[in-house]
C-alpha atoms as a PDB file:
ATOM      1  CA  MET A   1       0.000   0.000   0.000  1.00  0.00           C
ATOM      2  CA  THR A   2       1.062   3.611  -0.350  1.00  0.00           C
ATOM      3  CA  SER A   3       2.010   6.048   2.409  1.00  0.00           C
ATOM      4  CA  HIS A   4      -0.431   6.372   5.312  1.00  0.00           C
ATOM      5  CA  ALA A   5      -1.244   9.984   4.423  1.00  0.00           C
ATOM      6  CA  THR A   6      -2.742   8.961   1.076  1.00  0.00           C
ATOM      7  CA  VAL A   7      -4.924   6.061   2.234  1.00  0.00           C
ATOM      8  CA  THR A   8      -8.570   6.738   3.061  1.00  0.00           C
ATOM      9  CA  LEU A   9     -10.707   4.096   4.758  1.00  0.00           C
ATOM     10  CA  LEU A  10     -14.348   4.000   3.605  1.00  0.00           C
ATOM     11  CA  PRO A  11     -16.388   1.608   5.749  1.00  0.00           C
ATOM     12  CA  ASP A  12     -19.705   0.221   4.610  1.00  0.00           C
ATOM     13  CA  ALA A  13     -22.600  -0.194   7.054  1.00  0.00           C
ATOM     14  CA  GLY A  14     -21.707  -3.770   8.106  1.00  0.00           C
ATOM     15  CA  PRO A  15     -18.255  -3.028   9.543  1.00  0.00           C
ATOM     16  CA  LEU A  16     -19.573   0.058  11.341  1.00  0.00           C
ATOM     17  CA  ILE A  17     -22.347  -1.982  12.937  1.00  0.00           C
ATOM     18  CA  THR A  18     -20.054  -4.882  13.879  1.00  0.00           C
ATOM     19  CA  LEU A  19     -17.431  -2.623  15.422  1.00  0.00           C
ATOM     20  CA  ALA A  20     -20.126  -0.654  17.261  1.00  0.00           C
ATOM     21  CA  TYR A  21     -21.484  -3.908  18.739  1.00  0.00           C
ATOM     22  CA  ALA A  22     -17.928  -4.707  19.875  1.00  0.00           C
ATOM     23  CA  ASN A  23     -17.454  -1.178  21.289  1.00  0.00           C
ATOM     24  CA  SER A  24     -14.473  -0.942  18.929  1.00  0.00           C
ATOM     25  CA  LEU A  25     -15.226   1.794  16.407  1.00  0.00           C
ATOM     26  CA  ASP A  26     -11.890   3.420  17.284  1.00  0.00           C
ATOM     27  CA  LEU A  27     -10.158   0.496  15.568  1.00  0.00           C
ATOM     28  CA  LEU A  28     -11.031   2.196  12.283  1.00  0.00           C
ATOM     29  CA  LEU A  29      -8.516   4.890  13.235  1.00  0.00           C
ATOM     30  CA  LYS A  30      -5.728   2.486  14.304  1.00  0.00           C
ATOM     31  CA  PRO A  31      -3.852   2.243  10.975  1.00  0.00           C
ATOM     32  CA  GLY A  32      -3.300   6.004  10.977  1.00  0.00           C
ATOM     33  CA  TRP A  33      -5.032   6.438   7.627  1.00  0.00           C
ATOM     34  CA  SER A  34      -7.504   9.162   6.927  1.00  0.00           C
ATOM     35  CA  MET A  35     -11.073   8.038   7.200  1.00  0.00           C
ATOM     36  CA  ALA A  36     -14.345   9.199   5.722  1.00  0.00           C
ATOM     37  CA  LEU A  37     -17.921   8.092   5.827  1.00  0.00           C
ATOM     38  CA  VAL A  38     -20.008   8.103   2.693  1.00  0.00           C
ATOM     39  CA  ASP A  39     -23.201  10.102   3.263  1.00  0.00           C
ATOM     40  CA  MET A  40     -25.554   7.301   2.192  1.00  0.00           C
ATOM     41  CA  VAL A  41     -23.813   4.787   4.463  1.00  0.00           C
ATOM     42  CA  LEU A  42     -24.011   7.140   7.437  1.00  0.00           C
ATOM     43  CA  HIS A  43     -27.703   7.643   6.700  1.00  0.00           C
ATOM     44  CA  GLU A  44     -28.245   3.868   6.500  1.00  0.00           C
ATOM     45  CA  VAL A  45     -26.713   3.224   9.921  1.00  0.00           C
ATOM     46  CA  THR A  46     -28.362   6.149  11.700  1.00  0.00           C
ATOM     47  CA  ARG A  47     -31.800   6.638  10.069  1.00  0.00           C
ATOM     48  CA  ASN A  48     -33.549   4.173  12.413  1.00  0.00           C
ATOM     49  CA  GLU A  49     -33.038   3.610  16.108  1.00  0.00           C
ATOM     50  CA  THR A  50     -31.018   0.414  16.462  1.00  0.00           C
ATOM     51  CA  PRO A  51     -28.686  -0.963  19.140  1.00  0.00           C
ATOM     52  CA  THR A  52     -25.793   0.785  17.339  1.00  0.00           C
ATOM     53  CA  SER A  53     -27.218   3.833  15.537  1.00  0.00           C
ATOM     54  CA  ALA A  54     -26.671   6.405  18.307  1.00  0.00           C
ATOM     55  CA  ARG A  55     -23.210   4.988  19.085  1.00  0.00           C
ATOM     56  CA  ILE A  56     -22.085   5.263  15.442  1.00  0.00           C
ATOM     57  CA  ASP A  57     -23.530   8.764  15.064  1.00  0.00           C
ATOM     58  CA  ALA A  58     -21.870   9.997  18.278  1.00  0.00           C
ATOM     59  CA  TRP A  59     -18.541   8.372  17.364  1.00  0.00           C
ATOM     60  CA  ALA A  60     -18.511   9.985  13.899  1.00  0.00           C
ATOM     61  CA  HIS A  61     -19.385  13.372  15.398  1.00  0.00           C
ATOM     62  CA  ASP A  62     -16.924  13.134  18.323  1.00  0.00           C
ATOM     63  CA  ASN A  63     -14.073  12.149  15.970  1.00  0.00           C
ATOM     64  CA  CYS A  64     -14.963  14.772  13.343  1.00  0.00           C
ATOM     65  CA  ILE A  65     -15.091  12.088  10.645  1.00  0.00           C
ATOM     66  CA  PRO A  66     -15.604  13.804   7.279  1.00  0.00           C
ATOM     67  CA  VAL A  67     -18.649  12.795   5.269  1.00  0.00           C
ATOM     68  CA  LEU A  68     -18.272  12.386   1.519  1.00  0.00           C
ATOM     69  CA  GLU A  69     -21.261  13.719  -0.386  1.00  0.00           C
ATOM     70  CA  THR A  70     -22.664  11.644  -3.226  1.00  0.00           C
ATOM     71  CA  SER A  71     -25.291  12.136  -5.897  1.00  0.00           C
ATOM     72  CA  ILE A  72     -26.787   8.809  -4.756  1.00  0.00           C
ATOM     73  CA  TYR A  73     -27.689  10.263  -1.346  1.00  0.00           C
ATOM     74  CA  ARG A  74     -28.837  13.549  -2.879  1.00  0.00           C
ATOM     75  CA  ARG A  75     -31.226  11.629  -5.143  1.00  0.00           C
ATOM     76  CA  HIS A  76     -32.348   9.454  -2.231  1.00  0.00           C
ATOM     77  CA  ARG A  77     -33.275  12.557  -0.199  1.00  0.00           C
ATOM     78  CA  GLN A  78     -35.142  14.055  -3.152  1.00  0.00           C
ATOM     79  CA  ALA A  79     -37.035  10.800  -3.729  1.00  0.00           C
ATOM     80  CA  SER A  80     -37.917  10.663  -0.022  1.00  0.00           C
ATOM     81  CA  VAL A  81     -39.817  13.922  -0.433  1.00  0.00           C
ATOM     82  CA  SER A  82     -41.798  12.969  -3.543  1.00  0.00           C
ATOM     83  CA  SER A  83     -42.237   9.190  -3.267  1.00  0.00           C
ATOM     84  CA  PRO A  84     -40.971   6.205  -1.283  1.00  0.00           C
ATOM     85  CA  PRO A  85     -37.251   5.931  -2.083  1.00  0.00           C
ATOM     86  CA  ARG A  86     -35.432   2.822  -3.226  1.00  0.00           C
ATOM     87  CA  LYS A  87     -33.276   1.485  -0.380  1.00  0.00           C
ATOM     88  CA  ALA A  88     -31.493  -1.655  -1.629  1.00  0.00           C
ATOM     89  CA  ASN A  89     -27.742  -1.356  -2.272  1.00  0.00           C
ATOM     90  CA  LEU A  90     -27.678   2.453  -2.062  1.00  0.00           C
ATOM     91  CA  GLY A  91     -24.750   2.503   0.385  1.00  0.00           C
ATOM     92  CA  GLU A  92     -22.701   0.296  -1.910  1.00  0.00           C
ATOM     93  CA  LEU A  93     -23.611   2.433  -4.922  1.00  0.00           C
ATOM     94  CA  ALA A  94     -22.587   5.565  -3.022  1.00  0.00           C
ATOM     95  CA  ILE A  95     -19.271   3.966  -2.029  1.00  0.00           C
ATOM     96  CA  GLN A  96     -18.752   2.974  -5.665  1.00  0.00           C
ATOM     97  CA  GLU A  97     -19.352   6.615  -6.616  1.00  0.00           C
ATOM     98  CA  SER A  98     -16.788   7.760  -4.029  1.00  0.00           C
ATOM     99  CA  MET A  99     -14.251   5.186  -5.215  1.00  0.00           C
ATOM    100  CA  ASN A 100     -14.733   6.373  -8.779  1.00  0.00           C
ATOM    101  CA  GLU A 101     -13.785   9.855  -7.547  1.00  0.00           C
ATOM    102  CA  PHE A 102     -10.663   8.342  -5.953  1.00  0.00           C
ATOM    103  CA  GLY A 103      -9.915   6.709  -9.316  1.00  0.00           C
ATOM    104  CA  LEU A 104      -9.751  10.147 -10.890  1.00  0.00           C
ATOM    105  CA  THR A 105      -7.229  11.306  -8.276  1.00  0.00           C
ATOM    106  CA  ALA A 106      -4.147   9.111  -8.379  1.00  0.00           C
ATOM    107  CA  GLU A 107      -2.710  10.581  -5.136  1.00  0.00           C
ATOM    108  CA  ARG A 108      -5.190   8.735  -2.884  1.00  0.00           C
ATOM    109  CA  THR A 109      -5.900   5.084  -2.240  1.00  0.00           C
ATOM    110  CA  GLY A 110      -9.394   4.160  -1.125  1.00  0.00           C
ATOM    111  CA  VAL A 111      -9.900   1.115   1.094  1.00  0.00           C
ATOM    112  CA  PHE A 112     -13.522  -0.043   0.977  1.00  0.00           C
ATOM    113  CA  LEU A 113     -14.232  -1.929   4.195  1.00  0.00           C
ATOM    114  CA  PHE A 114     -17.176  -4.301   3.814  1.00  0.00           C
ATOM    115  CA  GLU A 115     -18.795  -7.189   5.591  1.00  0.00           C
ATOM    116  CA  ASP A 116     -21.803  -8.312   3.622  1.00  0.00           C
ATOM    117  CA  HIS A 117     -21.254 -11.652   1.903  1.00  0.00           C
ATOM    118  CA  LYS A 118     -23.046 -10.299  -1.176  1.00  0.00           C
ATOM    119  CA  ILE A 119     -20.330  -7.662  -1.566  1.00  0.00           C
ATOM    120  CA  ALA A 120     -17.583 -10.263  -1.220  1.00  0.00           C
ATOM    121  CA  ARG A 121     -19.033 -12.025  -4.224  1.00  0.00           C
ATOM    122  CA  ALA A 122     -20.046  -8.880  -6.111  1.00  0.00           C
ATOM    123  CA  SER A 123     -18.009  -7.705  -9.003  1.00  0.00           C
ATOM    124  CA  PHE A 124     -17.980  -3.988  -9.358  1.00  0.00           C
ATOM    125  CA  LEU A 125     -15.280  -1.898 -10.866  1.00  0.00           C
ATOM    126  CA  LEU A 126     -12.536  -1.038  -8.414  1.00  0.00           C
ATOM    127  CA  PRO A 127     -10.253   1.700  -9.666  1.00  0.00           C
ATOM    128  CA  GLU A 128      -6.590   0.737  -9.634  1.00  0.00           C
ATOM    129  CA  ASN A 129      -5.974   2.784  -6.500  1.00  0.00           C
ATOM    130  CA  CYS A 130      -8.817   1.232  -4.483  1.00  0.00           C
ATOM    131  CA  ARG A 131      -9.014  -1.954  -2.428  1.00  0.00           C
ATOM    132  CA  LYS A 132     -11.908  -4.056  -1.120  1.00  0.00           C
ATOM    133  CA  VAL A 133     -11.238  -5.500   2.371  1.00  0.00           C
ATOM    134  CA  SER A 134     -13.528  -7.439   4.700  1.00  0.00           C
ATOM    135  CA  THR A 135     -13.982  -6.578   8.369  1.00  0.00           C
ATOM    136  CA  ARG A 136     -12.328  -9.859   9.326  1.00  0.00           C
ATOM    137  CA  ALA A 137      -9.316  -9.193   7.060  1.00  0.00           C
ATOM    138  CA  PHE A 138      -9.029  -5.652   8.464  1.00  0.00           C
ATOM    139  CA  LEU A 139      -9.005  -6.988  12.028  1.00  0.00           C
ATOM    140  CA  LEU A 140      -6.342  -9.543  11.088  1.00  0.00           C
ATOM    141  CA  PHE A 141      -4.313  -6.743   9.477  1.00  0.00           C
ATOM    142  CA  LEU A 142      -4.489  -4.786  12.758  1.00  0.00           C
ATOM    143  CA  GLU A 143      -3.460  -7.891  14.711  1.00  0.00           C
ATOM    144  CA  GLN A 144      -0.518  -8.615  12.381  1.00  0.00           C
ATOM    145  CA  ARG A 145       0.673  -5.026  12.822  1.00  0.00           C
ATOM    146  CA  ASN A 146       0.388  -5.403  16.639  1.00  0.00           C
ATOM    147  CA  LEU A 147      -2.233  -2.654  16.727  1.00  0.00           C
ATOM    148  CA  ILE A 148      -4.662  -4.961  18.524  1.00  0.00           C
ATOM    149  CA  GLU A 149      -4.045  -8.049  20.594  1.00  0.00           C
ATOM    150  CA  SER A 150      -6.622 -10.331  18.979  1.00  0.00           C
ATOM    151  CA  ALA A 151      -8.865 -10.072  15.923  1.00  0.00           C
ATOM    152  CA  ALA A 152     -10.854 -13.061  17.182  1.00  0.00           C
ATOM    153  CA  ALA A 153     -11.525 -11.298  20.496  1.00  0.00           C
ATOM    154  CA  ILE A 154     -13.101  -8.348  18.669  1.00  0.00           C
ATOM    155  CA  GLU A 155     -15.263 -10.699  16.586  1.00  0.00           C
ATOM    156  CA  ARG A 156     -16.268 -12.598  19.722  1.00  0.00           C
ATOM    157  CA  ARG A 157     -17.184  -9.370  21.531  1.00  0.00           C
ATOM    158  CA  ALA A 158     -19.439  -8.305  18.639  1.00  0.00           C
ATOM    159  CA  ILE A 159     -21.120 -11.714  18.472  1.00  0.00           C
ATOM    160  CA  LEU A 160     -21.671 -11.861  22.246  1.00  0.00           C
ATOM    161  CA  ALA A 161     -23.242  -8.396  22.083  1.00  0.00           C
ATOM    162  CA  GLY A 162     -25.752  -9.687  19.521  1.00  0.00           C
ATOM    163  CA  ARG A 163     -24.157  -9.114  16.110  1.00  0.00           C
ATOM    164  CA  ALA A 164     -24.696 -11.813  13.501  1.00  0.00           C
ATOM    165  CA  PHE A 165     -21.178 -11.541  12.082  1.00  0.00           C
ATOM    166  CA  SER A 166     -20.631 -12.847   8.554  1.00  0.00           C
ATOM    167  CA  GLN A 167     -19.061 -16.293   8.369  1.00  0.00           C
ATOM    168  CA  ILE A 168     -17.852 -15.667   4.809  1.00  0.00           C
ATOM    169  CA  ARG A 169     -14.085 -15.260   4.650  1.00  0.00           C
ATOM    170  CA  PHE A 170     -12.681 -12.858   2.092  1.00  0.00           C
ATOM    171  CA  PRO A 171     -10.321 -13.540   0.630  1.00  0.00           C
ATOM    172  CA  PRO A 172     -11.207 -17.219   1.070  1.00  0.00           C
ATOM    173  CA  ASP A 173      -8.834 -19.323   3.183  1.00  0.00           C
END
């Protein structure tokens, strides 16, 4: 990967929810990369009251996490006013839009952090300077760099708190 200053972590809803269940959202900051939330993803994880919605919203606010604006979210808000909006896959589409922007700017690398097994199997265009990484692989990366003691302990904490954590391994073992 390139220098830390040029890497931006873009988590999808699944990793945010899992890490919130594990009380470990700060792990997203451990690599020292910049981080951003895509507007549609933030909306997805905070629009309804859930066991993690207030925790994620407060964490993003307290850490001054920048929010990347997308046309996907803009259209979603406009549709919400006039008719029931489409909801399926909008976060992923908004992340794809953000990664396309990264693709136009060679100085930055985007790391798309995902959890959903459908995304692991999905084929969407990743610009050359973007990566797709699962929550589990990210936790193992942190463990290998001695930034956390145990990836399995974080997973276990999320599961014990009630998170149905994906059993899909990406990349496969």
